[in-house]
């Protein structure tokens, strides 16, 4: 690694291919760890919104949770893969239906 400086201030670094790969792997590992720590909170928010907005009762919420939970685990594991250029299957399937998550996120509307 070659550190970039201007006077006494460091403003960047040039990494080798191996260093860049190691850094990306560590970032992915930390993202997966973060997701595992906050998984219950995220799932609780989804379940609560299904109840509030769509009227899901206890039985439907549990059915959704037990089917959704493995998908979340799969996503967390995907963060740790070396190949990062694949599209996650749900994003692709939603685009096939005409729902572009990135576009909706950028739009910021609350319909």
PDB file of N, CA and C in Angstrom:
ATOM      1  N   UNK A   1       0.848  -1.167   0.000  1.00  0.00           N
ATOM      2  CA  UNK A   1       0.000   0.000   0.000  1.00  0.00           C
ATOM      3  C   UNK A   1       0.899   1.238   0.000  1.00  0.00           C
ATOM      4  N   UNK A   2       0.503   2.191  -0.860  1.00  0.00           N
ATOM      5  CA  UNK A   2       1.220   3.456  -0.921  1.00  0.00           C
ATOM      6  C   UNK A   2       0.275   4.543  -0.415  1.00  0.00           C
ATOM      7  N   UNK A   3       0.705   5.229   0.637  1.00  0.00           N
ATOM      8  CA  UNK A   3      -0.108   6.272   1.266  1.00  0.00           C
ATOM      9  C   UNK A   3       0.059   7.576   0.493  1.00  0.00           C
ATOM     10  N   UNK A   4      -1.072   8.262   0.273  1.00  0.00           N
ATOM     11  CA  UNK A   4      -1.054   9.560  -0.402  1.00  0.00           C
ATOM     12  C   UNK A   4      -1.118  10.654   0.655  1.00  0.00           C
ATOM     13  N   UNK A   5      -0.165  11.584   0.576  1.00  0.00           N
ATOM     14  CA  UNK A   5      -0.106  12.667   1.555  1.00  0.00           C
ATOM     15  C   UNK A   5      -0.011  14.008   0.863  1.00  0.00           C
ATOM     16  N   UNK A   6      -0.463  15.005   1.570  1.00  0.00           N
ATOM     17  CA  UNK A   6      -0.263  16.384   1.176  1.00  0.00           C
ATOM     18  C   UNK A   6       0.229  17.095   2.429  1.00  0.00           C
ATOM     19  N   UNK A   7       1.505  17.372   2.456  1.00  0.00           N
ATOM     20  CA  UNK A   7       2.087  17.918   3.677  1.00  0.00           C
ATOM     21  C   UNK A   7       2.063  16.841   4.750  1.00  0.00           C
ATOM     22  N   UNK A   8       1.390  17.128   5.848  1.00  0.00           N
ATOM     23  CA  UNK A   8       1.283  16.155   6.940  1.00  0.00           C
ATOM     24  C   UNK A   8      -0.059  15.422   6.933  1.00  0.00           C
ATOM     25  N   UNK A   9      -0.947  15.768   6.008  1.00  0.00           N
ATOM     26  CA  UNK A   9      -2.282  15.166   5.981  1.00  0.00           C
ATOM     27  C   UNK A   9      -2.335  13.988   5.007  1.00  0.00           C
ATOM     28  N   UNK A  10      -2.922  12.892   5.463  1.00  0.00           N
ATOM     29  CA  UNK A  10      -3.144  11.721   4.621  1.00  0.00           C
ATOM     30  C   UNK A  10      -4.516  11.886   3.971  1.00  0.00           C
ATOM     31  N   UNK A  11      -4.592  11.709   2.648  1.00  0.00           N
ATOM     32  CA  UNK A  11      -5.872  11.855   1.966  1.00  0.00           C
ATOM     33  C   UNK A  11      -6.256  10.644   1.127  1.00  0.00           C
ATOM     34  N   UNK A  12      -5.497   9.580   1.204  1.00  0.00           N
ATOM     35  CA  UNK A  12      -5.847   8.387   0.455  1.00  0.00           C
ATOM     36  C   UNK A  12      -4.729   7.380   0.445  1.00  0.00           C
ATOM     37  N   UNK A  13      -4.970   6.284  -0.310  1.00  0.00           N
ATOM     38  CA  UNK A  13      -3.964   5.232  -0.421  1.00  0.00           C
ATOM     39  C   UNK A  13      -4.200   4.464  -1.707  1.00  0.00           C
ATOM     40  N   UNK A  14      -3.120   4.006  -2.300  1.00  0.00           N
ATOM     41  CA  UNK A  14      -3.187   3.106  -3.447  1.00  0.00           C
ATOM     42  C   UNK A  14      -3.000   1.695  -2.927  1.00  0.00           C
ATOM     43  N   UNK A  15      -3.977   0.838  -3.163  1.00  0.00           N
ATOM     44  CA  UNK A  15      -3.912  -0.540  -2.686  1.00  0.00           C
ATOM     45  C   UNK A  15      -3.569  -1.481  -3.831  1.00  0.00           C
ATOM     46  N   UNK A  16      -2.869  -2.552  -3.501  1.00  0.00           N
ATOM     47  CA  UNK A  16      -2.612  -3.590  -4.495  1.00  0.00           C
ATOM     48  C   UNK A  16      -3.908  -4.357  -4.716  1.00  0.00           C
ATOM     49  N   UNK A  17      -3.947  -5.180  -5.743  1.00  0.00           N
ATOM     50  CA  UNK A  17      -5.140  -5.977  -6.033  1.00  0.00           C
ATOM     51  C   UNK A  17      -5.459  -6.886  -4.847  1.00  0.00           C
ATOM     52  N   UNK A  18      -4.442  -7.512  -4.274  1.00  0.00           N
ATOM     53  CA  UNK A  18      -4.645  -8.408  -3.127  1.00  0.00           C
ATOM     54  C   UNK A  18      -5.163  -7.636  -1.913  1.00  0.00           C
ATOM     55  N   UNK A  19      -4.631  -6.448  -1.672  1.00  0.00           N
ATOM     56  CA  UNK A  19      -5.089  -5.629  -0.544  1.00  0.00           C
ATOM     57  C   UNK A  19      -6.538  -5.187  -0.749  1.00  0.00           C
ATOM     58  N   UNK A  20      -6.875  -4.807  -1.984  1.00  0.00           N
ATOM     59  CA  UNK A  20      -8.246  -4.399  -2.289  1.00  0.00           C
ATOM     60  C   UNK A  20      -9.216  -5.562  -2.078  1.00  0.00           C
ATOM     61  N   UNK A  21      -8.808  -6.754  -2.517  1.00  0.00           N
ATOM     62  CA  UNK A  21      -9.649  -7.942  -2.358  1.00  0.00           C
ATOM     63  C   UNK A  21      -9.849  -8.254  -0.877  1.00  0.00           C
ATOM     64  N   UNK A  22      -8.769  -8.186  -0.088  1.00  0.00           N
ATOM     65  CA  UNK A  22      -8.863  -8.441   1.357  1.00  0.00           C
ATOM     66  C   UNK A  22      -9.749  -7.406   2.036  1.00  0.00           C
ATOM     67  N   UNK A  23      -9.629  -6.147   1.639  1.00  0.00           N
ATOM     68  CA  UNK A  23     -10.449  -5.084   2.212  1.00  0.00           C
ATOM     69  C   UNK A  23     -11.921  -5.311   1.893  1.00  0.00           C
ATOM     70  N   UNK A  24     -12.230  -5.658   0.650  1.00  0.00           N
ATOM     71  CA  UNK A  24     -13.621  -5.919   0.259  1.00  0.00           C
ATOM     72  C   UNK A  24     -14.197  -7.108   1.014  1.00  0.00           C
ATOM     73  N   UNK A  25     -13.401  -8.153   1.205  1.00  0.00           N
ATOM     74  CA  UNK A  25     -13.871  -9.320   1.954  1.00  0.00           C
ATOM     75  C   UNK A  25     -14.176  -8.944   3.404  1.00  0.00           C
ATOM     76  N   UNK A  26     -13.347  -8.111   4.004  1.00  0.00           N
ATOM     77  CA  UNK A  26     -13.570  -7.675   5.386  1.00  0.00           C
ATOM     78  C   UNK A  26     -14.815  -6.799   5.480  1.00  0.00           C
ATOM     79  N   UNK A  27     -15.017  -5.929   4.518  1.00  0.00           N
ATOM     80  CA  UNK A  27     -16.222  -5.088   4.509  1.00  0.00           C
ATOM     81  C   UNK A  27     -17.472  -5.957   4.425  1.00  0.00           C
ATOM     82  N   UNK A  28     -17.454  -6.943   3.551  1.00  0.00           N
ATOM     83  CA  UNK A  28     -18.602  -7.844   3.413  1.00  0.00           C
ATOM     84  C   UNK A  28     -18.846  -8.626   4.699  1.00  0.00           C
ATOM     85  N   UNK A  29     -17.774  -9.072   5.352  1.00  0.00           N
ATOM     86  CA  UNK A  29     -17.908  -9.813   6.603  1.00  0.00           C
ATOM     87  C   UNK A  29     -18.563  -8.926   7.667  1.00  0.00           C
ATOM     88  N   UNK A  30     -18.142  -7.663   7.724  1.00  0.00           N
ATOM     89  CA  UNK A  30     -18.703  -6.749   8.707  1.00  0.00           C
ATOM     90  C   UNK A  30     -20.159  -6.412   8.397  1.00  0.00           C
ATOM     91  N   UNK A  31     -20.514  -6.320   7.119  1.00  0.00           N
ATOM     92  CA  UNK A  31     -21.910  -6.074   6.740  1.00  0.00           C
ATOM     93  C   UNK A  31     -22.792  -7.233   7.184  1.00  0.00           C
ATOM     94  N   UNK A  32     -22.314  -8.454   6.971  1.00  0.00           N
ATOM     95  CA  UNK A  32     -23.079  -9.630   7.379  1.00  0.00           C
ATOM     96  C   UNK A  32     -23.241  -9.661   8.903  1.00  0.00           C
ATOM     97  N   UNK A  33     -22.190  -9.325   9.625  1.00  0.00           N
ATOM     98  CA  UNK A  33     -22.251  -9.282  11.088  1.00  0.00           C
ATOM     99  C   UNK A  33     -23.266  -8.231  11.544  1.00  0.00           C
ATOM    100  N   UNK A  34     -23.251  -7.066  10.913  1.00  0.00           N
ATOM    101  CA  UNK A  34     -24.197  -5.995  11.237  1.00  0.00           C
ATOM    102  C   UNK A  34     -25.634  -6.473  10.993  1.00  0.00           C
ATOM    103  N   UNK A  35     -25.842  -7.134   9.852  1.00  0.00           N
ATOM    104  CA  UNK A  35     -27.182  -7.625   9.535  1.00  0.00           C
ATOM    105  C   UNK A  35     -27.655  -8.652  10.555  1.00  0.00           C
ATOM    106  N   UNK A  36     -26.768  -9.549  10.960  1.00  0.00           N
ATOM    107  CA  UNK A  36     -27.149 -10.552  11.956  1.00  0.00           C
ATOM    108  C   UNK A  36     -27.567  -9.876  13.270  1.00  0.00           C
ATOM    109  N   UNK A  37     -26.846  -8.839  13.659  1.00  0.00           N
ATOM    110  CA  UNK A  37     -27.149  -8.141  14.908  1.00  0.00           C
ATOM    111  C   UNK A  37     -28.498  -7.429  14.846  1.00  0.00           C
ATOM    112  N   UNK A  38     -28.874  -6.932  13.682  1.00  0.00           N
ATOM    113  CA  UNK A  38     -30.088  -6.129  13.558  1.00  0.00           C
ATOM    114  C   UNK A  38     -31.235  -6.863  12.853  1.00  0.00           C
ATOM    115  N   UNK A  39     -31.054  -8.131  12.604  1.00  0.00           N
ATOM    116  CA  UNK A  39     -32.038  -8.919  11.873  1.00  0.00           C
ATOM    117  C   UNK A  39     -33.395  -8.925  12.575  1.00  0.00           C
ATOM    118  N   UNK A  40     -33.421  -9.138  13.880  1.00  0.00           N
ATOM    119  CA  UNK A  40     -34.697  -9.194  14.604  1.00  0.00           C
ATOM    120  C   UNK A  40     -35.440  -7.867  14.522  1.00  0.00           C
ATOM    121  N   UNK A  41     -34.722  -6.759  14.614  1.00  0.00           N
ATOM    122  CA  UNK A  41     -35.368  -5.451  14.522  1.00  0.00           C
ATOM    123  C   UNK A  41     -35.969  -5.227  13.143  1.00  0.00           C
ATOM    124  N   UNK A  42     -35.219  -5.591  12.101  1.00  0.00           N
ATOM    125  CA  UNK A  42     -35.721  -5.432  10.737  1.00  0.00           C
ATOM    126  C   UNK A  42     -36.940  -6.315  10.494  1.00  0.00           C
ATOM    127  N   UNK A  43     -36.873  -7.555  10.953  1.00  0.00           N
ATOM    128  CA  UNK A  43     -38.003  -8.465  10.772  1.00  0.00           C
ATOM    129  C   UNK A  43     -39.225  -7.980  11.538  1.00  0.00           C
ATOM    130  N   UNK A  44     -39.016  -7.431  12.746  1.00  0.00           N
ATOM    131  CA  UNK A  44     -40.132  -6.911  13.533  1.00  0.00           C
ATOM    132  C   UNK A  44     -40.806  -5.744  12.812  1.00  0.00           C
ATOM    133  N   UNK A  45     -40.005  -4.874  12.195  1.00  0.00           N
ATOM    134  CA  UNK A  45     -40.579  -3.739  11.447  1.00  0.00           C
ATOM    135  C   UNK A  45     -41.415  -4.236  10.271  1.00  0.00           C
ATOM    136  N   UNK A  46     -40.912  -5.218   9.545  1.00  0.00           N
ATOM    137  CA  UNK A  46     -41.653  -5.763   8.403  1.00  0.00           C
ATOM    138  C   UNK A  46     -42.956  -6.394   8.882  1.00  0.00           C
ATOM    139  N   UNK A  47     -42.887  -7.217   9.913  1.00  0.00           N
ATOM    140  CA  UNK A  47     -44.092  -7.871  10.425  1.00  0.00           C
ATOM    141  C   UNK A  47     -45.114  -6.857  10.927  1.00  0.00           C
ATOM    142  N   UNK A  48     -44.656  -5.833  11.645  1.00  0.00           N
ATOM    143  CA  UNK A  48     -45.578  -4.824  12.151  1.00  0.00           C
ATOM    144  C   UNK A  48     -46.265  -4.090  11.005  1.00  0.00           C
ATOM    145  N   UNK A  49     -45.531  -3.761   9.959  1.00  0.00           N
ATOM    146  CA  UNK A  49     -46.128  -3.059   8.823  1.00  0.00           C
ATOM    147  C   UNK A  49     -47.107  -3.959   8.074  1.00  0.00           C
ATOM    148  N   UNK A  50     -46.817  -5.249   7.984  1.00  0.00           N
ATOM    149  CA  UNK A  50     -47.780  -6.173   7.374  1.00  0.00           C
ATOM    150  C   UNK A  50     -49.074  -6.204   8.187  1.00  0.00           C
ATOM    151  N   UNK A  51     -48.945  -6.144   9.489  1.00  0.00           N
ATOM    152  CA  UNK A  51     -50.124  -6.129  10.353  1.00  0.00           C
ATOM    153  C   UNK A  51     -50.888  -4.813  10.215  1.00  0.00           C
ATOM    154  N   UNK A  52     -50.174  -3.692  10.326  1.00  0.00           N
ATOM    155  CA  UNK A  52     -50.804  -2.374  10.298  1.00  0.00           C
ATOM    156  C   UNK A  52     -51.391  -2.026   8.932  1.00  0.00           C
ATOM    157  N   UNK A  53     -50.641  -2.262   7.875  1.00  0.00           N
ATOM    158  CA  UNK A  53     -51.078  -1.813   6.551  1.00  0.00           C
ATOM    159  C   UNK A  53     -51.968  -2.821   5.830  1.00  0.00           C
ATOM    160  N   UNK A  54     -51.718  -4.104   6.052  1.00  0.00           N
ATOM    161  CA  UNK A  54     -52.450  -5.122   5.298  1.00  0.00           C
ATOM    162  C   UNK A  54     -53.333  -6.006   6.162  1.00  0.00           C
ATOM    163  N   UNK A  55     -53.328  -5.762   7.457  1.00  0.00           N
ATOM    164  CA  UNK A  55     -54.213  -6.490   8.353  1.00  0.00           C
ATOM    165  C   UNK A  55     -53.819  -7.929   8.636  1.00  0.00           C
ATOM    166  N   UNK A  56     -52.558  -8.287   8.448  1.00  0.00           N
ATOM    167  CA  UNK A  56     -52.130  -9.658   8.728  1.00  0.00           C
ATOM    168  C   UNK A  56     -52.362  -9.968  10.200  1.00  0.00           C
ATOM    169  N   UNK A  57     -52.965 -11.126  10.464  1.00  0.00           N
ATOM    170  CA  UNK A  57     -53.139 -11.594  11.830  1.00  0.00           C
ATOM    171  C   UNK A  57     -51.945 -12.443  12.255  1.00  0.00           C
ATOM    172  N   UNK A  58     -52.057 -12.986  13.454  1.00  0.00           N
ATOM    173  CA  UNK A  58     -50.948 -13.753  14.034  1.00  0.00           C
ATOM    174  C   UNK A  58     -50.559 -14.927  13.142  1.00  0.00           C
ATOM    175  N   UNK A  59     -51.529 -15.677  12.667  1.00  0.00           N
ATOM    176  CA  UNK A  59     -51.234 -16.862  11.857  1.00  0.00           C
ATOM    177  C   UNK A  59     -50.509 -16.482  10.558  1.00  0.00           C
ATOM    178  N   UNK A  60     -50.998 -15.460   9.863  1.00  0.00           N
ATOM    179  CA  UNK A  60     -50.346 -15.031   8.602  1.00  0.00           C
ATOM    180  C   UNK A  60     -48.970 -14.433   8.862  1.00  0.00           C
ATOM    181  N   UNK A  61     -48.816 -13.703   9.959  1.00  0.00           N
ATOM    182  CA  UNK A  61     -47.513 -13.131  10.297  1.00  0.00           C
ATOM    183  C   UNK A  61     -46.491 -14.230  10.556  1.00  0.00           C
ATOM    184  N   UNK A  62     -46.896 -15.257  11.293  1.00  0.00           N
ATOM    185  CA  UNK A  62     -45.975 -16.369  11.557  1.00  0.00           C
ATOM    186  C   UNK A  62     -45.626 -17.110  10.275  1.00  0.00           C
ATOM    187  N   UNK A  63     -46.623 -17.329   9.419  1.00  0.00           N
ATOM    188  CA  UNK A  63     -46.365 -18.012   8.145  1.00  0.00           C
ATOM    189  C   UNK A  63     -45.375 -17.206   7.307  1.00  0.00           C
ATOM    190  N   UNK A  64     -45.600 -15.886   7.236  1.00  0.00           N
ATOM    191  CA  UNK A  64     -44.684 -15.031   6.492  1.00  0.00           C
ATOM    192  C   UNK A  64     -43.283 -15.093   7.090  1.00  0.00           C
ATOM    193  N   UNK A  65     -43.185 -14.978   8.409  1.00  0.00           N
ATOM    194  CA  UNK A  65     -41.885 -14.976   9.089  1.00  0.00           C
ATOM    195  C   UNK A  65     -41.121 -16.267   8.796  1.00  0.00           C
ATOM    196  N   UNK A  66     -41.765 -17.407   8.939  1.00  0.00           N
ATOM    197  CA  UNK A  66     -41.065 -18.681   8.752  1.00  0.00           C
ATOM    198  C   UNK A  66     -40.661 -18.918   7.299  1.00  0.00           C
ATOM    199  N   UNK A  67     -41.336 -18.269   6.358  1.00  0.00           N
ATOM    200  CA  UNK A  67     -40.934 -18.364   4.952  1.00  0.00           C
ATOM    201  C   UNK A  67     -39.914 -17.286   4.571  1.00  0.00           C
ATOM    202  N   UNK A  68     -39.979 -16.151   5.250  1.00  0.00           N
ATOM    203  CA  UNK A  68     -39.104 -15.017   4.939  1.00  0.00           C
ATOM    204  C   UNK A  68     -37.735 -15.160   5.597  1.00  0.00           C
ATOM    205  N   UNK A  69     -37.690 -15.708   6.792  1.00  0.00           N
ATOM    206  CA  UNK A  69     -36.463 -15.818   7.563  1.00  0.00           C
ATOM    207  C   UNK A  69     -35.333 -16.513   6.793  1.00  0.00           C
ATOM    208  N   UNK A  70     -35.564 -17.633   6.117  1.00  0.00           N
ATOM    209  CA  UNK A  70     -34.473 -18.265   5.351  1.00  0.00           C
ATOM    210  C   UNK A  70     -33.956 -17.377   4.214  1.00  0.00           C
ATOM    211  N   UNK A  71     -34.826 -16.567   3.641  1.00  0.00           N
ATOM    212  CA  UNK A  71     -34.412 -15.660   2.573  1.00  0.00           C
ATOM    213  C   UNK A  71     -33.486 -14.587   3.124  1.00  0.00           C
ATOM    214  N   UNK A  72     -33.795 -14.080   4.299  1.00  0.00           N
ATOM    215  CA  UNK A  72     -32.934 -13.083   4.939  1.00  0.00           C
ATOM    216  C   UNK A  72     -31.571 -13.709   5.245  1.00  0.00           C
ATOM    217  N   UNK A  73     -31.571 -14.928   5.766  1.00  0.00           N
ATOM    218  CA  UNK A  73     -30.308 -15.619   6.051  1.00  0.00           C
ATOM    219  C   UNK A  73     -29.486 -15.802   4.776  1.00  0.00           C
ATOM    220  N   UNK A  74     -30.161 -16.105   3.688  1.00  0.00           N
ATOM    221  CA  UNK A  74     -29.482 -16.269   2.391  1.00  0.00           C
ATOM    222  C   UNK A  74     -28.845 -14.956   1.946  1.00  0.00           C
ATOM    223  N   UNK A  75     -29.542 -13.855   2.159  1.00  0.00           N
ATOM    224  CA  UNK A  75     -29.003 -12.549   1.808  1.00  0.00           C
ATOM    225  C   UNK A  75     -27.760 -12.235   2.638  1.00  0.00           C
ATOM    226  N   UNK A  76     -27.827 -12.521   3.920  1.00  0.00           N
ATOM    227  CA  UNK A  76     -26.677 -12.279   4.786  1.00  0.00           C
ATOM    228  C   UNK A  76     -25.483 -13.091   4.316  1.00  0.00           C
ATOM    229  N   UNK A  77     -25.699 -14.334   3.951  1.00  0.00           N
ATOM    230  CA  UNK A  77     -24.606 -15.177   3.459  1.00  0.00           C
ATOM    231  C   UNK A  77     -24.059 -14.637   2.134  1.00  0.00           C
ATOM    232  N   UNK A  78     -24.931 -14.054   1.313  1.00  0.00           N
ATOM    233  CA  UNK A  78     -24.499 -13.512   0.023  1.00  0.00           C
ATOM    234  C   UNK A  78     -23.470 -12.406   0.206  1.00  0.00           C
ATOM    235  N   UNK A  79     -23.603 -11.644   1.286  1.00  0.00           N
ATOM    236  CA  UNK A  79     -22.637 -10.589   1.555  1.00  0.00           C
ATOM    237  C   UNK A  79     -21.224 -11.132   1.685  1.00  0.00           C
ATOM    238  N   UNK A  80     -21.111 -12.366   2.116  1.00  0.00           N
ATOM    239  CA  UNK A  80     -19.796 -12.922   2.372  1.00  0.00           C
ATOM    240  C   UNK A  80     -19.205 -13.645   1.166  1.00  0.00           C
ATOM    241  N   UNK A  81     -19.918 -13.722   0.073  1.00  0.00           N
ATOM    242  CA  UNK A  81     -19.392 -14.362  -1.126  1.00  0.00           C
ATOM    243  C   UNK A  81     -18.342 -13.483  -1.784  1.00  0.00           C
ATOM    244  N   UNK A  82     -17.429 -14.099  -2.490  1.00  0.00           N
ATOM    245  CA  UNK A  82     -16.399 -13.331  -3.190  1.00  0.00           C
ATOM    246  C   UNK A  82     -16.970 -12.641  -4.423  1.00  0.00           C
ATOM    247  N   UNK A  83     -17.886 -13.283  -5.115  1.00  0.00           N
ATOM    248  CA  UNK A  83     -18.491 -12.693  -6.311  1.00  0.00           C
ATOM    249  C   UNK A  83     -19.527 -11.678  -5.879  1.00  0.00           C
ATOM    250  N   UNK A  84     -19.334 -10.406  -6.251  1.00  0.00           N
ATOM    251  CA  UNK A  84     -20.291  -9.400  -5.812  1.00  0.00           C
ATOM    252  C   UNK A  84     -21.042  -8.758  -6.971  1.00  0.00           C
ATOM    253  N   UNK A  85     -20.943  -9.329  -8.163  1.00  0.00           N
ATOM    254  CA  UNK A  85     -21.614  -8.706  -9.290  1.00  0.00           C
ATOM    255  C   UNK A  85     -22.933  -9.388  -9.642  1.00  0.00           C
ATOM    256  N   UNK A  86     -23.330 -10.384  -8.875  1.00  0.00           N
ATOM    257  CA  UNK A  86     -24.608 -11.034  -9.138  1.00  0.00           C
ATOM    258  C   UNK A  86     -25.759 -10.210  -8.603  1.00  0.00           C
ATOM    259  N   UNK A  87     -26.917 -10.323  -9.222  1.00  0.00           N
ATOM    260  CA  UNK A  87     -28.113  -9.613  -8.756  1.00  0.00           C
ATOM    261  C   UNK A  87     -28.873 -10.551  -7.836  1.00  0.00           C
ATOM    262  N   UNK A  88     -29.258 -10.040  -6.663  1.00  0.00           N
ATOM    263  CA  UNK A  88     -30.011 -10.867  -5.741  1.00  0.00           C
ATOM    264  C   UNK A  88     -31.361 -11.191  -6.345  1.00  0.00           C
ATOM    265  N   UNK A  89     -31.819 -12.432  -6.203  1.00  0.00           N
ATOM    266  CA  UNK A  89     -32.981 -12.948  -6.920  1.00  0.00           C
ATOM    267  C   UNK A  89     -34.253 -12.132  -6.682  1.00  0.00           C
ATOM    268  N   UNK A  90     -34.494 -11.663  -5.474  1.00  0.00           N
ATOM    269  CA  UNK A  90     -35.721 -10.894  -5.212  1.00  0.00           C
ATOM    270  C   UNK A  90     -35.727  -9.571  -5.960  1.00  0.00           C
ATOM    271  N   UNK A  91     -34.582  -8.916  -6.042  1.00  0.00           N
ATOM    272  CA  UNK A  91     -34.487  -7.659  -6.783  1.00  0.00           C
ATOM    273  C   UNK A  91     -34.819  -7.902  -8.250  1.00  0.00           C
ATOM    274  N   UNK A  92     -34.278  -8.966  -8.797  1.00  0.00           N
ATOM    275  CA  UNK A  92     -34.525  -9.312 -10.192  1.00  0.00           C
ATOM    276  C   UNK A  92     -35.997  -9.660 -10.426  1.00  0.00           C
ATOM    277  N   UNK A  93     -36.579 -10.462  -9.551  1.00  0.00           N
ATOM    278  CA  UNK A  93     -37.982 -10.860  -9.703  1.00  0.00           C
ATOM    279  C   UNK A  93     -38.915  -9.647  -9.588  1.00  0.00           C
ATOM    280  N   UNK A  94     -38.617  -8.730  -8.668  1.00  0.00           N
ATOM    281  CA  UNK A  94     -39.437  -7.524  -8.540  1.00  0.00           C
ATOM    282  C   UNK A  94     -39.342  -6.655  -9.797  1.00  0.00           C
ATOM    283  N   UNK A  95     -38.136  -6.559 -10.374  1.00  0.00           N
ATOM    284  CA  UNK A  95     -37.996  -5.791 -11.616  1.00  0.00           C
ATOM    285  C   UNK A  95     -38.831  -6.412 -12.726  1.00  0.00           C
ATOM    286  N   UNK A  96     -38.905  -7.749 -12.765  1.00  0.00           N
ATOM    287  CA  UNK A  96     -39.735  -8.430 -13.756  1.00  0.00           C
ATOM    288  C   UNK A  96     -41.206  -8.063 -13.600  1.00  0.00           C
ATOM    289  N   UNK A  97     -41.617  -7.749 -12.361  1.00  0.00           N
ATOM    290  CA  UNK A  97     -42.995  -7.328 -12.096  1.00  0.00           C
ATOM    291  C   UNK A  97     -43.214  -5.838 -12.338  1.00  0.00           C
ATOM    292  N   UNK A  98     -42.121  -5.106 -12.608  1.00  0.00           N
ATOM    293  CA  UNK A  98     -42.229  -3.672 -12.832  1.00  0.00           C
ATOM    294  C   UNK A  98     -41.950  -2.837 -11.594  1.00  0.00           C
ATOM    295  N   UNK A  99     -41.348  -3.446 -10.571  1.00  0.00           N
ATOM    296  CA  UNK A  99     -41.021  -2.726  -9.345  1.00  0.00           C
ATOM    297  C   UNK A  99     -39.509  -2.617  -9.241  1.00  0.00           C
ATOM    298  N   UNK A 100     -39.010  -1.389  -9.403  1.00  0.00           N
ATOM    299  CA  UNK A 100     -37.579  -1.122  -9.326  1.00  0.00           C
ATOM    300  C   UNK A 100     -37.286  -0.476  -7.973  1.00  0.00           C
ATOM    301  N   UNK A 101     -36.721  -1.265  -7.065  1.00  0.00           N
ATOM    302  CA  UNK A 101     -36.465  -0.795  -5.699  1.00  0.00           C
ATOM    303  C   UNK A 101     -35.564   0.436  -5.699  1.00  0.00           C
ATOM    304  N   UNK A 102     -34.514   0.429  -6.499  1.00  0.00           N
ATOM    305  CA  UNK A 102     -33.598   1.570  -6.543  1.00  0.00           C
ATOM    306  C   UNK A 102     -34.313   2.830  -7.007  1.00  0.00           C
ATOM    307  N   UNK A 103     -35.151   2.693  -8.020  1.00  0.00           N
ATOM    308  CA  UNK A 103     -35.905   3.841  -8.533  1.00  0.00           C
ATOM    309  C   UNK A 103     -36.886   4.359  -7.488  1.00  0.00           C
ATOM    310  N   UNK A 104     -37.580   3.445  -6.809  1.00  0.00           N
ATOM    311  CA  UNK A 104     -38.546   3.847  -5.792  1.00  0.00           C
ATOM    312  C   UNK A 104     -37.845   4.518  -4.613  1.00  0.00           C
ATOM    313  N   UNK A 105     -36.680   4.012  -4.255  1.00  0.00           N
ATOM    314  CA  UNK A 105     -35.912   4.596  -3.152  1.00  0.00           C
ATOM    315  C   UNK A 105     -35.473   6.004  -3.490  1.00  0.00           C
ATOM    316  N   UNK A 106     -35.024   6.222  -4.719  1.00  0.00           N
ATOM    317  CA  UNK A 106     -34.576   7.535  -5.157  1.00  0.00           C
ATOM    318  C   UNK A 106     -35.762   8.514  -5.255  1.00  0.00           C
ATOM    319  N   UNK A 107     -36.946   7.984  -5.585  1.00  0.00           N
ATOM    320  CA  UNK A 107     -38.144   8.806  -5.725  1.00  0.00           C
ATOM    321  C   UNK A 107     -38.535   9.404  -4.375  1.00  0.00           C
ATOM    322  N   UNK A 108     -38.480   8.623  -3.308  1.00  0.00           N
ATOM    323  CA  UNK A 108     -38.757   9.113  -1.976  1.00  0.00           C
ATOM    324  C   UNK A 108     -40.220   9.397  -1.659  1.00  0.00           C
ATOM    325  N   UNK A 109     -41.130   9.065  -2.552  1.00  0.00           N
ATOM    326  CA  UNK A 109     -42.544   9.335  -2.300  1.00  0.00           C
ATOM    327  C   UNK A 109     -43.114   8.348  -1.303  1.00  0.00           C
ATOM    328  N   UNK A 110     -44.199   8.758  -0.654  1.00  0.00           N
ATOM    329  CA  UNK A 110     -44.939   7.901   0.272  1.00  0.00           C
ATOM    330  C   UNK A 110     -46.363   7.773  -0.231  1.00  0.00           C
ATOM    331  N   UNK A 111     -46.582   6.856  -1.170  1.00  0.00           N
ATOM    332  CA  UNK A 111     -47.930   6.668  -1.729  1.00  0.00           C
ATOM    333  C   UNK A 111     -48.789   5.826  -0.838  1.00  0.00           C
TER     334      UNK A 111
END
